[in-house]
Every structure is written in structure tokens, then in C-alpha cells.
Amino acid sequence: MIEQIKDYPRFCRAALRAAELGKPIIALKVGRSELGARMASSHTGSMTGSDEIQEGLFRQLGIVRAYDYPELCDVALILMQGKPWTVTHAPRVLALSGSGGLGTFFGDLASIAGL
């Protein structure tokens, strides 16, 4: 979980090094909302930073972003399967489904969204 990135250059170097080594980073950014930012500030004494800026940074560095704790766990389980991890900037979509119908539904939604 990330509340704040204090040293952006150091964070970026570490993330790029992890990518070079094939070690994915999954980020669960807290303090995304105004209320969440105030709550984080109340116990850490520091600001959480712009969510939009950090979203872009995560994308550039190939950091996988989770938006809630169950998603964090799901992404970790998927990545633990031992497949090679590569950082790519090409737009891609992945849908995991237990049924062909649900997978087709995801395909429809992705197509409608222009993905």
C-alpha cells in the first residue's frame, strides 16, 4: 500500500530496476479521494500526492495498480504463477473468465469501450 512517495527519483529507479529483474510491483494507492487524503494526512502528517500524477507514473513504470484489497490479492496470485513479466507500453486488455459466455461478454464490453 502506498500513501505517499517521498522521493520520486529513487522510487522510479527502484521500479525500473525491479522491471529489469522481472519482478512486478503491484501498487494499492490509498488516499485517492479528498476524504482519504485527509485521513492519511491526519495520521502520517504528510500529503498523499495527486492520484492522477501517480496513476501516470505507475503506467510509465509498468507498475500494476490495484484499486482494492481483493484485487491486490488476485493480481498477486496471478503473478505468482511464474510467468515471465515484461513491462510494455502497448495498450492491451486481459480478461480471465471461467466461462466462454462471460469471456465473450468481456469482449463485447472492451469493444464498446474502444479497447
PDB file of N, CA and C in Angstrom:
ATOM      1  N   MET A   1       0.845  -1.172   0.000  1.00  0.00           N
ATOM      2  CA  MET A   1       0.000   0.000   0.000  1.00  0.00           C
ATOM      3  C   MET A   1       0.886   1.229   0.000  1.00  0.00           C
ATOM      4  N   ILE A   2       0.481   2.194  -0.776  1.00  0.00           N
ATOM      5  CA  ILE A   2       1.247   3.434  -0.881  1.00  0.00           C
ATOM      6  C   ILE A   2       0.377   4.587  -0.416  1.00  0.00           C
ATOM      7  N   GLU A   3       0.860   5.325   0.576  1.00  0.00           N
ATOM      8  CA  GLU A   3       0.199   6.561   0.985  1.00  0.00           C
ATOM      9  C   GLU A   3       0.880   7.744   0.319  1.00  0.00           C
ATOM     10  N   GLN A   4       2.195   7.692   0.272  1.00  0.00           N
ATOM     11  CA  GLN A   4       2.956   8.830  -0.222  1.00  0.00           C
ATOM     12  C   GLN A   4       4.273   8.336  -0.813  1.00  0.00           C
ATOM     13  N   ILE A   5       4.712   8.981  -1.873  1.00  0.00           N
ATOM     14  CA  ILE A   5       6.043   8.733  -2.426  1.00  0.00           C
ATOM     15  C   ILE A   5       6.864   9.971  -2.092  1.00  0.00           C
ATOM     16  N   LYS A   6       7.832   9.812  -1.213  1.00  0.00           N
ATOM     17  CA  LYS A   6       8.615  10.968  -0.755  1.00  0.00           C
ATOM     18  C   LYS A   6       9.724  11.338  -1.728  1.00  0.00           C
ATOM     19  N   ASP A   7      10.329  10.343  -2.343  1.00  0.00           N
ATOM     20  CA  ASP A   7      11.482  10.581  -3.217  1.00  0.00           C
ATOM     21  C   ASP A   7      11.181   9.956  -4.577  1.00  0.00           C
ATOM     22  N   TYR A   8      10.600  10.748  -5.489  1.00  0.00           N
ATOM     23  CA  TYR A   8      10.186  10.216  -6.786  1.00  0.00           C
ATOM     24  C   TYR A   8      11.350   9.654  -7.607  1.00  0.00           C
ATOM     25  N   PRO A   9      12.499  10.339  -7.701  1.00  0.00           N
ATOM     26  CA  PRO A   9      13.596   9.762  -8.479  1.00  0.00           C
ATOM     27  C   PRO A   9      14.035   8.392  -7.950  1.00  0.00           C
ATOM     28  N   ARG A  10      14.135   8.265  -6.646  1.00  0.00           N
ATOM     29  CA  ARG A  10      14.544   6.982  -6.058  1.00  0.00           C
ATOM     30  C   ARG A  10      13.482   5.907  -6.304  1.00  0.00           C
ATOM     31  N   PHE A  11      12.207   6.275  -6.153  1.00  0.00           N
ATOM     32  CA  PHE A  11      11.117   5.345  -6.403  1.00  0.00           C
ATOM     33  C   PHE A  11      11.160   4.859  -7.851  1.00  0.00           C
ATOM     34  N   CYS A  12      11.376   5.772  -8.784  1.00  0.00           N
ATOM     35  CA  CYS A  12      11.422   5.420 -10.207  1.00  0.00           C
ATOM     36  C   CYS A  12      12.596   4.493 -10.501  1.00  0.00           C
ATOM     37  N   ARG A  13      13.763   4.799  -9.944  1.00  0.00           N
ATOM     38  CA  ARG A  13      14.927   3.925 -10.147  1.00  0.00           C
ATOM     39  C   ARG A  13      14.646   2.521  -9.629  1.00  0.00           C
ATOM     40  N   ALA A  14      14.053   2.432  -8.456  1.00  0.00           N
ATOM     41  CA  ALA A  14      13.761   1.124  -7.869  1.00  0.00           C
ATOM     42  C   ALA A  14      12.740   0.362  -8.711  1.00  0.00           C
ATOM     43  N   ALA A  15      11.718   1.060  -9.197  1.00  0.00           N
ATOM     44  CA  ALA A  15      10.688   0.404 -10.022  1.00  0.00           C
ATOM     45  C   ALA A  15      11.271  -0.079 -11.342  1.00  0.00           C
ATOM     46  N   LEU A  16      12.114   0.728 -11.959  1.00  0.00           N
ATOM     47  CA  LEU A  16      12.735   0.318 -13.230  1.00  0.00           C
ATOM     48  C   LEU A  16      13.680  -0.856 -13.014  1.00  0.00           C
ATOM     49  N   ARG A  17      14.395  -0.856 -11.914  1.00  0.00           N
ATOM     50  CA  ARG A  17      15.298  -1.971 -11.611  1.00  0.00           C
ATOM     51  C   ARG A  17      14.496  -3.252 -11.382  1.00  0.00           C
ATOM     52  N   ALA A  18      13.382  -3.132 -10.669  1.00  0.00           N
ATOM     53  CA  ALA A  18      12.528  -4.310 -10.446  1.00  0.00           C
ATOM     54  C   ALA A  18      12.032  -4.848 -11.785  1.00  0.00           C
ATOM     55  N   ALA A  19      11.644  -3.961 -12.684  1.00  0.00           N
ATOM     56  CA  ALA A  19      11.169  -4.386 -14.008  1.00  0.00           C
ATOM     57  C   ALA A  19      12.286  -5.094 -14.775  1.00  0.00           C
ATOM     58  N   GLU A  20      13.512  -4.559 -14.715  1.00  0.00           N
ATOM     59  CA  GLU A  20      14.656  -5.192 -15.379  1.00  0.00           C
ATOM     60  C   GLU A  20      14.873  -6.613 -14.863  1.00  0.00           C
ATOM     61  N   LEU A  21      14.620  -6.805 -13.579  1.00  0.00           N
ATOM     62  CA  LEU A  21      14.814  -8.113 -12.955  1.00  0.00           C
ATOM     63  C   LEU A  21      13.600  -9.026 -13.110  1.00  0.00           C
ATOM     64  N   GLY A  22      12.557  -8.504 -13.775  1.00  0.00           N
ATOM     65  CA  GLY A  22      11.351  -9.303 -13.983  1.00  0.00           C
ATOM     66  C   GLY A  22      10.498  -9.447 -12.736  1.00  0.00           C
ATOM     67  N   LYS A  23      10.630  -8.492 -11.828  1.00  0.00           N
ATOM     68  CA  LYS A  23       9.866  -8.534 -10.574  1.00  0.00           C
ATOM     69  C   LYS A  23       8.767  -7.473 -10.629  1.00  0.00           C
ATOM     70  N   PRO A  24       7.529  -7.912 -10.745  1.00  0.00           N
ATOM     71  CA  PRO A  24       6.434  -6.943 -10.849  1.00  0.00           C
ATOM     72  C   PRO A  24       6.180  -6.213  -9.533  1.00  0.00           C
ATOM     73  N   ILE A  25       5.680  -5.018  -9.650  1.00  0.00           N
ATOM     74  CA  ILE A  25       5.251  -4.242  -8.494  1.00  0.00           C
ATOM     75  C   ILE A  25       3.750  -4.030  -8.634  1.00  0.00           C
ATOM     76  N   ILE A  26       3.038  -4.312  -7.558  1.00  0.00           N
ATOM     77  CA  ILE A  26       1.600  -4.066  -7.510  1.00  0.00           C
ATOM     78  C   ILE A  26       1.391  -2.955  -6.498  1.00  0.00           C
ATOM     79  N   ALA A  27       0.725  -1.891  -6.916  1.00  0.00           N
ATOM     80  CA  ALA A  27       0.509  -0.750  -6.031  1.00  0.00           C
ATOM     81  C   ALA A  27      -0.965  -0.612  -5.679  1.00  0.00           C
ATOM     82  N   LEU A  28      -1.227  -0.484  -4.404  1.00  0.00           N
ATOM     83  CA  LEU A  28      -2.557  -0.143  -3.912  1.00  0.00           C
ATOM     84  C   LEU A  28      -2.403   1.226  -3.276  1.00  0.00           C
ATOM     85  N   LYS A  29      -2.814   2.247  -4.007  1.00  0.00           N
ATOM     86  CA  LYS A  29      -2.650   3.637  -3.578  1.00  0.00           C
ATOM     87  C   LYS A  29      -3.819   4.028  -2.693  1.00  0.00           C
ATOM     88  N   VAL A  30      -3.528   4.449  -1.487  1.00  0.00           N
ATOM     89  CA  VAL A  30      -4.565   4.917  -0.580  1.00  0.00           C
ATOM     90  C   VAL A  30      -4.546   6.437  -0.544  1.00  0.00           C
ATOM     91  N   GLY A  31      -5.625   7.012  -0.088  1.00  0.00           N
ATOM     92  CA  GLY A  31      -5.729   8.468  -0.044  1.00  0.00           C
ATOM     93  C   GLY A  31      -6.055   9.049  -1.398  1.00  0.00           C
ATOM     94  N   ARG A  32      -6.778   8.283  -2.226  1.00  0.00           N
ATOM     95  CA  ARG A  32      -7.123   8.748  -3.579  1.00  0.00           C
ATOM     96  C   ARG A  32      -8.200   9.816  -3.551  1.00  0.00           C
ATOM     97  N   SER A  33      -9.125   9.714  -2.630  1.00  0.00           N
ATOM     98  CA  SER A  33     -10.215  10.686  -2.536  1.00  0.00           C
ATOM     99  C   SER A  33      -9.805  11.831  -1.614  1.00  0.00           C
ATOM    100  N   GLU A  34     -10.585  12.893  -1.618  1.00  0.00           N
ATOM    101  CA  GLU A  34     -10.300  14.019  -0.725  1.00  0.00           C
ATOM    102  C   GLU A  34     -10.372  13.572   0.737  1.00  0.00           C
ATOM    103  N   LEU A  35     -11.397  12.789   1.060  1.00  0.00           N
ATOM    104  CA  LEU A  35     -11.541  12.281   2.426  1.00  0.00           C
ATOM    105  C   LEU A  35     -10.374  11.369   2.793  1.00  0.00           C
ATOM    106  N   GLY A  36     -10.032  10.444   1.889  1.00  0.00           N
ATOM    107  CA  GLY A  36      -8.919   9.539   2.155  1.00  0.00           C
ATOM    108  C   GLY A  36      -7.607  10.279   2.350  1.00  0.00           C
ATOM    109  N   ALA A  37      -7.395  11.322   1.547  1.00  0.00           N
ATOM    110  CA  ALA A  37      -6.166  12.120   1.681  1.00  0.00           C
ATOM    111  C   ALA A  37      -6.122  12.815   3.037  1.00  0.00           C
ATOM    112  N   ARG A  38      -7.265  13.347   3.474  1.00  0.00           N
ATOM    113  CA  ARG A  38      -7.302  13.992   4.794  1.00  0.00           C
ATOM    114  C   ARG A  38      -7.043  12.978   5.904  1.00  0.00           C
ATOM    115  N   MET A  39      -7.613  11.789   5.747  1.00  0.00           N
ATOM    116  CA  MET A  39      -7.406  10.752   6.768  1.00  0.00           C
ATOM    117  C   MET A  39      -5.941  10.346   6.839  1.00  0.00           C
ATOM    118  N   ALA A  40      -5.315  10.156   5.682  1.00  0.00           N
ATOM    119  CA  ALA A  40      -3.896   9.775   5.661  1.00  0.00           C
ATOM    120  C   ALA A  40      -3.048  10.873   6.286  1.00  0.00           C
ATOM    121  N   SER A  41      -3.368  12.118   5.950  1.00  0.00           N
ATOM    122  CA  SER A  41      -2.618  13.247   6.483  1.00  0.00           C
ATOM    123  C   SER A  41      -2.747  13.338   8.002  1.00  0.00           C
ATOM    124  N   SER A  42      -3.913  12.956   8.515  1.00  0.00           N
ATOM    125  CA  SER A  42      -4.141  13.076   9.960  1.00  0.00           C
ATOM    126  C   SER A  42      -3.260  12.126  10.769  1.00  0.00           C
ATOM    127  N   HIS A  43      -2.878  10.995  10.195  1.00  0.00           N
ATOM    128  CA  HIS A  43      -2.045  10.079  10.991  1.00  0.00           C
ATOM    129  C   HIS A  43      -0.596  10.013  10.527  1.00  0.00           C
ATOM    130  N   THR A  44      -0.307  10.490   9.311  1.00  0.00           N
ATOM    131  CA  THR A  44       1.091  10.488   8.870  1.00  0.00           C
ATOM    132  C   THR A  44       1.708  11.875   8.895  1.00  0.00           C
ATOM    133  N   GLY A  45       0.839  12.895   8.877  1.00  0.00           N
ATOM    134  CA  GLY A  45       1.337  14.266   8.852  1.00  0.00           C
ATOM    135  C   GLY A  45       1.832  14.686   7.486  1.00  0.00           C
ATOM    136  N   SER A  46       1.573  13.879   6.447  1.00  0.00           N
ATOM    137  CA  SER A  46       2.051  14.224   5.116  1.00  0.00           C
ATOM    138  C   SER A  46       0.929  14.063   4.099  1.00  0.00           C
ATOM    139  N   MET A  47       1.084  14.722   2.986  1.00  0.00           N
ATOM    140  CA  MET A  47       0.099  14.667   1.907  1.00  0.00           C
ATOM    141  C   MET A  47       0.326  13.402   1.092  1.00  0.00           C
ATOM    142  N   THR A  48      -0.751  12.883   0.489  1.00  0.00           N
ATOM    143  CA  THR A  48      -0.652  11.643  -0.276  1.00  0.00           C
ATOM    144  C   THR A  48      -0.217  11.872  -1.713  1.00  0.00           C
ATOM    145  N   GLY A  49      -0.327  13.055  -2.243  1.00  0.00           N
ATOM    146  CA  GLY A  49       0.065  13.334  -3.625  1.00  0.00           C
ATOM    147  C   GLY A  49      -1.097  13.145  -4.579  1.00  0.00           C
ATOM    148  N   SER A  50      -0.969  13.749  -5.741  1.00  0.00           N
ATOM    149  CA  SER A  50      -2.014  13.705  -6.759  1.00  0.00           C
ATOM    150  C   SER A  50      -2.192  12.293  -7.298  1.00  0.00           C
ATOM    151  N   ASP A  51      -3.426  11.820  -7.241  1.00  0.00           N
ATOM    152  CA  ASP A  51      -3.710  10.480  -7.745  1.00  0.00           C
ATOM    153  C   ASP A  51      -3.484  10.405  -9.251  1.00  0.00           C
ATOM    154  N   GLU A  52      -3.833  11.460  -9.970  1.00  0.00           N
ATOM    155  CA  GLU A  52      -3.652  11.460 -11.426  1.00  0.00           C
ATOM    156  C   GLU A  52      -2.173  11.374 -11.799  1.00  0.00           C
ATOM    157  N   ILE A  53      -1.348  12.095 -11.084  1.00  0.00           N
ATOM    158  CA  ILE A  53       0.099  12.057 -11.362  1.00  0.00           C
ATOM    159  C   ILE A  53       0.649  10.670 -11.058  1.00  0.00           C
ATOM    160  N   GLN A  54       0.252  10.111  -9.944  1.00  0.00           N
ATOM    161  CA  GLN A  54       0.769   8.792  -9.589  1.00  0.00           C
ATOM    162  C   GLN A  54       0.233   7.714 -10.522  1.00  0.00           C
ATOM    163  N   GLU A  55      -0.994   7.854 -10.984  1.00  0.00           N
ATOM    164  CA  GLU A  55      -1.546   6.908 -11.968  1.00  0.00           C
ATOM    165  C   GLU A  55      -0.674   6.897 -13.226  1.00  0.00           C
ATOM    166  N   GLY A  56      -0.331   8.089 -13.725  1.00  0.00           N
ATOM    167  CA  GLY A  56       0.526   8.187 -14.902  1.00  0.00           C
ATOM    168  C   GLY A  56       1.914   7.614 -14.648  1.00  0.00           C
ATOM    169  N   LEU A  57       2.444   7.885 -13.476  1.00  0.00           N
ATOM    170  CA  LEU A  57       3.766   7.357 -13.116  1.00  0.00           C
ATOM    171  C   LEU A  57       3.743   5.835 -13.082  1.00  0.00           C
ATOM    172  N   PHE A  58       2.723   5.271 -12.462  1.00  0.00           N
ATOM    173  CA  PHE A  58       2.614   3.816 -12.402  1.00  0.00           C
ATOM    174  C   PHE A  58       2.570   3.236 -13.804  1.00  0.00           C
ATOM    175  N   ARG A  59       1.799   3.868 -14.685  1.00  0.00           N
ATOM    176  CA  ARG A  59       1.694   3.381 -16.068  1.00  0.00           C
ATOM    177  C   ARG A  59       3.054   3.419 -16.765  1.00  0.00           C
ATOM    178  N   GLN A  60       3.758   4.530 -16.615  1.00  0.00           N
ATOM    179  CA  GLN A  60       5.065   4.675 -17.267  1.00  0.00           C
ATOM    180  C   GLN A  60       6.071   3.661 -16.755  1.00  0.00           C
ATOM    181  N   LEU A  61       5.985   3.316 -15.495  1.00  0.00           N
ATOM    182  CA  LEU A  61       6.952   2.403 -14.883  1.00  0.00           C
ATOM    183  C   LEU A  61       6.536   0.940 -14.968  1.00  0.00           C
ATOM    184  N   GLY A  62       5.346   0.680 -15.521  1.00  0.00           N
ATOM    185  CA  GLY A  62       4.880  -0.695 -15.623  1.00  0.00           C
ATOM    186  C   GLY A  62       4.399  -1.268 -14.305  1.00  0.00           C
ATOM    187  N   ILE A  63       4.032  -0.399 -13.377  1.00  0.00           N
ATOM    188  CA  ILE A  63       3.527  -0.840 -12.084  1.00  0.00           C
ATOM    189  C   ILE A  63       2.051  -1.200 -12.246  1.00  0.00           C
ATOM    190  N   VAL A  64       1.689  -2.371 -11.767  1.00  0.00           N
ATOM    191  CA  VAL A  64       0.305  -2.820 -11.836  1.00  0.00           C
ATOM    192  C   VAL A  64      -0.450  -2.171 -10.691  1.00  0.00           C
ATOM    193  N   ARG A  65      -1.547  -1.516 -11.018  1.00  0.00           N
ATOM    194  CA  ARG A  65      -2.310  -0.832  -9.982  1.00  0.00           C
ATOM    195  C   ARG A  65      -3.528  -1.649  -9.589  1.00  0.00           C
ATOM    196  N   ALA A  66      -3.696  -1.826  -8.298  1.00  0.00           N
ATOM    197  CA  ALA A  66      -4.894  -2.462  -7.751  1.00  0.00           C
ATOM    198  C   ALA A  66      -5.731  -1.362  -7.107  1.00  0.00           C
ATOM    199  N   TYR A  67      -7.025  -1.497  -7.207  1.00  0.00           N
ATOM    200  CA  TYR A  67      -7.914  -0.458  -6.682  1.00  0.00           C
ATOM    201  C   TYR A  67      -8.611  -0.853  -5.395  1.00  0.00           C
ATOM    202  N   ASP A  68      -8.453  -2.101  -4.975  1.00  0.00           N
ATOM    203  CA  ASP A  68      -8.961  -2.526  -3.676  1.00  0.00           C
ATOM    204  C   ASP A  68      -8.159  -3.745  -3.240  1.00  0.00           C
ATOM    205  N   TYR A  69      -8.355  -4.134  -1.980  1.00  0.00           N
ATOM    206  CA  TYR A  69      -7.551  -5.214  -1.430  1.00  0.00           C
ATOM    207  C   TYR A  69      -7.792  -6.561  -2.115  1.00  0.00           C
ATOM    208  N   PRO A  70      -9.057  -6.925  -2.405  1.00  0.00           N
ATOM    209  CA  PRO A  70      -9.255  -8.194  -3.122  1.00  0.00           C
ATOM    210  C   PRO A  70      -8.549  -8.208  -4.482  1.00  0.00           C
ATOM    211  N   GLU A  71      -8.564  -7.081  -5.183  1.00  0.00           N
ATOM    212  CA  GLU A  71      -7.874  -7.023  -6.472  1.00  0.00           C
ATOM    213  C   GLU A  71      -6.369  -7.164  -6.284  1.00  0.00           C
ATOM    214  N   LEU A  72      -5.831  -6.567  -5.249  1.00  0.00           N
ATOM    215  CA  LEU A  72      -4.407  -6.709  -4.942  1.00  0.00           C
ATOM    216  C   LEU A  72      -4.049  -8.177  -4.772  1.00  0.00           C
ATOM    217  N   CYS A  73      -4.866  -8.893  -4.014  1.00  0.00           N
ATOM    218  CA  CYS A  73      -4.617 -10.320  -3.784  1.00  0.00           C
ATOM    219  C   CYS A  73      -4.756 -11.124  -5.074  1.00  0.00           C
ATOM    220  N   ASP A  74      -5.778 -10.811  -5.869  1.00  0.00           N
ATOM    221  CA  ASP A  74      -5.977 -11.526  -7.136  1.00  0.00           C
ATOM    222  C   ASP A  74      -4.799 -11.322  -8.081  1.00  0.00           C
ATOM    223  N   VAL A  75      -4.341 -10.082  -8.204  1.00  0.00           N
ATOM    224  CA  VAL A  75      -3.211  -9.794  -9.096  1.00  0.00           C
ATOM    225  C   VAL A  75      -1.961 -10.521  -8.598  1.00  0.00           C
ATOM    226  N   ALA A  76      -1.742 -10.515  -7.298  1.00  0.00           N
ATOM    227  CA  ALA A  76      -0.577 -11.208  -6.744  1.00  0.00           C
ATOM    228  C   ALA A  76      -0.638 -12.701  -7.054  1.00  0.00           C
ATOM    229  N   LEU A  77      -1.809 -13.291  -6.904  1.00  0.00           N
ATOM    230  CA  LEU A  77      -1.953 -14.723  -7.205  1.00  0.00           C
ATOM    231  C   LEU A  77      -1.676 -15.020  -8.675  1.00  0.00           C
ATOM    232  N   ILE A  78      -2.151 -14.151  -9.554  1.00  0.00           N
ATOM    233  CA  ILE A  78      -1.908 -14.345 -10.991  1.00  0.00           C
ATOM    234  C   ILE A  78      -0.412 -14.252 -11.279  1.00  0.00           C
ATOM    235  N   LEU A  79       0.238 -13.244 -10.705  1.00  0.00           N
ATOM    236  CA  LEU A  79       1.661 -13.044 -10.976  1.00  0.00           C
ATOM    237  C   LEU A  79       2.534 -14.126 -10.349  1.00  0.00           C
ATOM    238  N   MET A  80       2.036 -14.780  -9.320  1.00  0.00           N
ATOM    239  CA  MET A  80       2.803 -15.848  -8.666  1.00  0.00           C
ATOM    240  C   MET A  80       2.837 -17.128  -9.500  1.00  0.00           C
ATOM    241  N   GLN A  81       2.128 -17.161 -10.604  1.00  0.00           N
ATOM    242  CA  GLN A  81       2.107 -18.361 -11.435  1.00  0.00           C
ATOM    243  C   GLN A  81       3.441 -18.592 -12.139  1.00  0.00           C
ATOM    244  N   GLY A  82       4.362 -17.634 -12.009  1.00  0.00           N
ATOM    245  CA  GLY A  82       5.701 -17.844 -12.515  1.00  0.00           C
ATOM    246  C   GLY A  82       5.912 -17.503 -13.971  1.00  0.00           C
ATOM    247  N   LYS A  83       4.960 -16.877 -14.601  1.00  0.00           N
ATOM    248  CA  LYS A  83       5.134 -16.486 -15.999  1.00  0.00           C
ATOM    249  C   LYS A  83       6.086 -15.294 -16.061  1.00  0.00           C
ATOM    250  N   PRO A  84       6.845 -15.190 -17.123  1.00  0.00           N
ATOM    251  CA  PRO A  84       7.738 -14.034 -17.254  1.00  0.00           C
ATOM    252  C   PRO A  84       6.936 -12.740 -17.257  1.00  0.00           C
ATOM    253  N   TRP A  85       7.471 -11.743 -16.625  1.00  0.00           N
ATOM    254  CA  TRP A  85       6.807 -10.444 -16.527  1.00  0.00           C
ATOM    255  C   TRP A  85       7.595  -9.449 -17.355  1.00  0.00           C
ATOM    256  N   THR A  86       6.932  -8.778 -18.244  1.00  0.00           N
ATOM    257  CA  THR A  86       7.603  -7.757 -19.038  1.00  0.00           C
ATOM    258  C   THR A  86       6.824  -6.465 -18.937  1.00  0.00           C
ATOM    259  N   VAL A  87       7.550  -5.372 -18.964  1.00  0.00           N
ATOM    260  CA  VAL A  87       6.925  -4.056 -18.966  1.00  0.00           C
ATOM    261  C   VAL A  87       6.672  -3.684 -20.415  1.00  0.00           C
ATOM    262  N   THR A  88       5.465  -3.307 -20.702  1.00  0.00           N
ATOM    263  CA  THR A  88       5.116  -2.901 -22.056  1.00  0.00           C
ATOM    264  C   THR A  88       4.275  -1.639 -22.009  1.00  0.00           C
ATOM    265  N   HIS A  89       4.402  -0.853 -23.024  1.00  0.00           N
ATOM    266  CA  HIS A  89       3.593   0.360 -23.107  1.00  0.00           C
ATOM    267  C   HIS A  89       2.503   0.205 -24.153  1.00  0.00           C
ATOM    268  N   ALA A  90       2.406  -0.971 -24.750  1.00  0.00           N
ATOM    269  CA  ALA A  90       1.359  -1.220 -25.738  1.00  0.00           C
ATOM    270  C   ALA A  90       0.027  -1.417 -25.020  1.00  0.00           C
ATOM    271  N   PRO A  91      -1.031  -0.795 -25.525  1.00  0.00           N
ATOM    272  CA  PRO A  91      -2.329  -0.981 -24.864  1.00  0.00           C
ATOM    273  C   PRO A  91      -2.835  -2.407 -25.065  1.00  0.00           C
ATOM    274  N   ARG A  92      -3.178  -3.049 -23.973  1.00  0.00           N
ATOM    275  CA  ARG A  92      -3.654  -4.425 -24.020  1.00  0.00           C
ATOM    276  C   ARG A  92      -4.760  -4.611 -23.003  1.00  0.00           C
ATOM    277  N   VAL A  93      -5.554  -5.620 -23.229  1.00  0.00           N
ATOM    278  CA  VAL A  93      -6.627  -5.954 -22.308  1.00  0.00           C
ATOM    279  C   VAL A  93      -6.543  -7.440 -22.011  1.00  0.00           C
ATOM    280  N   LEU A  94      -6.739  -7.806 -20.765  1.00  0.00           N
ATOM    281  CA  LEU A  94      -6.761  -9.201 -20.372  1.00  0.00           C
ATOM    282  C   LEU A  94      -8.059  -9.459 -19.641  1.00  0.00           C
ATOM    283  N   ALA A  95      -8.754 -10.489 -20.048  1.00  0.00           N
ATOM    284  CA  ALA A  95      -9.969 -10.907 -19.340  1.00  0.00           C
ATOM    285  C   ALA A  95      -9.795 -12.360 -18.932  1.00  0.00           C
ATOM    286  N   LEU A  96     -10.011 -12.637 -17.669  1.00  0.00           N
ATOM    287  CA  LEU A  96      -9.965 -14.010 -17.170  1.00  0.00           C
ATOM    288  C   LEU A  96     -11.391 -14.424 -16.854  1.00  0.00           C
ATOM    289  N   SER A  97     -11.788 -15.573 -17.346  1.00  0.00           N
ATOM    290  CA  SER A  97     -13.168 -15.993 -17.164  1.00  0.00           C
ATOM    291  C   SER A  97     -13.239 -17.499 -16.995  1.00  0.00           C
ATOM    292  N   GLY A  98     -14.216 -17.919 -16.233  1.00  0.00           N
ATOM    293  CA  GLY A  98     -14.453 -19.342 -16.060  1.00  0.00           C
ATOM    294  C   GLY A  98     -15.454 -19.887 -17.059  1.00  0.00           C
ATOM    295  N   SER A  99     -15.999 -19.008 -17.904  1.00  0.00           N
ATOM    296  CA  SER A  99     -16.961 -19.469 -18.904  1.00  0.00           C
ATOM    297  C   SER A  99     -16.771 -18.717 -20.210  1.00  0.00           C
ATOM    298  N   GLY A 100     -17.062 -19.401 -21.300  1.00  0.00           N
ATOM    299  CA  GLY A 100     -16.938 -18.770 -22.614  1.00  0.00           C
ATOM    300  C   GLY A 100     -17.902 -17.614 -22.782  1.00  0.00           C
ATOM    301  N   GLY A 101     -19.095 -17.760 -22.238  1.00  0.00           N
ATOM    302  CA  GLY A 101     -20.084 -16.694 -22.353  1.00  0.00           C
ATOM    303  C   GLY A 101     -19.652 -15.429 -21.653  1.00  0.00           C
ATOM    304  N   LEU A 102     -19.100 -15.582 -20.441  1.00  0.00           N
ATOM    305  CA  LEU A 102     -18.642 -14.420 -19.704  1.00  0.00           C
ATOM    306  C   LEU A 102     -17.441 -13.785 -20.396  1.00  0.00           C
ATOM    307  N   GLY A 103     -16.551 -14.604 -20.944  1.00  0.00           N
ATOM    308  CA  GLY A 103     -15.412 -14.071 -21.701  1.00  0.00           C
ATOM    309  C   GLY A 103     -15.874 -13.287 -22.915  1.00  0.00           C
ATOM    310  N   THR A 104     -16.897 -13.802 -23.604  1.00  0.00           N
ATOM    311  CA  THR A 104     -17.454 -13.097 -24.757  1.00  0.00           C
ATOM    312  C   THR A 104     -18.082 -11.778 -24.321  1.00  0.00           C
ATOM    313  N   PHE A 105     -18.749 -11.791 -23.176  1.00  0.00           N
ATOM    314  CA  PHE A 105     -19.339 -10.569 -22.634  1.00  0.00           C
ATOM    315  C   PHE A 105     -18.252  -9.528 -22.386  1.00  0.00           C
ATOM    316  N   PHE A 106     -17.121  -9.945 -21.778  1.00  0.00           N
ATOM    317  CA  PHE A 106     -15.998  -9.035 -21.566  1.00  0.00           C
ATOM    318  C   PHE A 106     -15.497  -8.481 -22.901  1.00  0.00           C
ATOM    319  N   GLY A 107     -15.429  -9.358 -23.912  1.00  0.00           N
ATOM    320  CA  GLY A 107     -15.008  -8.907 -25.243  1.00  0.00           C
ATOM    321  C   GLY A 107     -15.930  -7.845 -25.797  1.00  0.00           C
ATOM    322  N   ASP A 108     -17.233  -8.050 -25.638  1.00  0.00           N
ATOM    323  CA  ASP A 108     -18.204  -7.037 -26.080  1.00  0.00           C
ATOM    324  C   ASP A 108     -17.980  -5.698 -25.364  1.00  0.00           C
ATOM    325  N   LEU A 109     -17.814  -5.762 -24.037  1.00  0.00           N
ATOM    326  CA  LEU A 109     -17.614  -4.540 -23.272  1.00  0.00           C
ATOM    327  C   LEU A 109     -16.327  -3.825 -23.692  1.00  0.00           C
ATOM    328  N   ALA A 110     -15.262  -4.589 -23.897  1.00  0.00           N
ATOM    329  CA  ALA A 110     -13.997  -3.987 -24.315  1.00  0.00           C
ATOM    330  C   ALA A 110     -14.138  -3.328 -25.680  1.00  0.00           C
ATOM    331  N   SER A 111     -14.826  -4.002 -26.592  1.00  0.00           N
ATOM    332  CA  SER A 111     -15.007  -3.451 -27.922  1.00  0.00           C
ATOM    333  C   SER A 111     -15.829  -2.162 -27.885  1.00  0.00           C
ATOM    334  N   ILE A 112     -16.908  -2.174 -27.107  1.00  0.00           N
ATOM    335  CA  ILE A 112     -17.753  -0.985 -26.984  1.00  0.00           C
ATOM    336  C   ILE A 112     -16.967   0.179 -26.382  1.00  0.00           C
ATOM    337  N   ALA A 113     -16.055  -0.129 -25.453  1.00  0.00           N
ATOM    338  CA  ALA A 113     -15.235   0.902 -24.826  1.00  0.00           C
ATOM    339  C   ALA A 113     -14.088   1.359 -25.719  1.00  0.00           C
ATOM    340  N   GLY A 114     -13.944   0.744 -26.890  1.00  0.00           N
ATOM    341  CA  GLY A 114     -12.881   1.157 -27.799  1.00  0.00           C
ATOM    342  C   GLY A 114     -11.537   0.556 -27.514  1.00  0.00           C
ATOM    343  N   LEU A 115     -11.516  -0.540 -26.761  1.00  0.00           N
ATOM    344  CA  LEU A 115     -10.230  -1.175 -26.417  1.00  0.00           C
ATOM    345  C   LEU A 115      -9.861  -2.227 -27.453  1.00  0.00           C
TER     346      LEU A 115
END
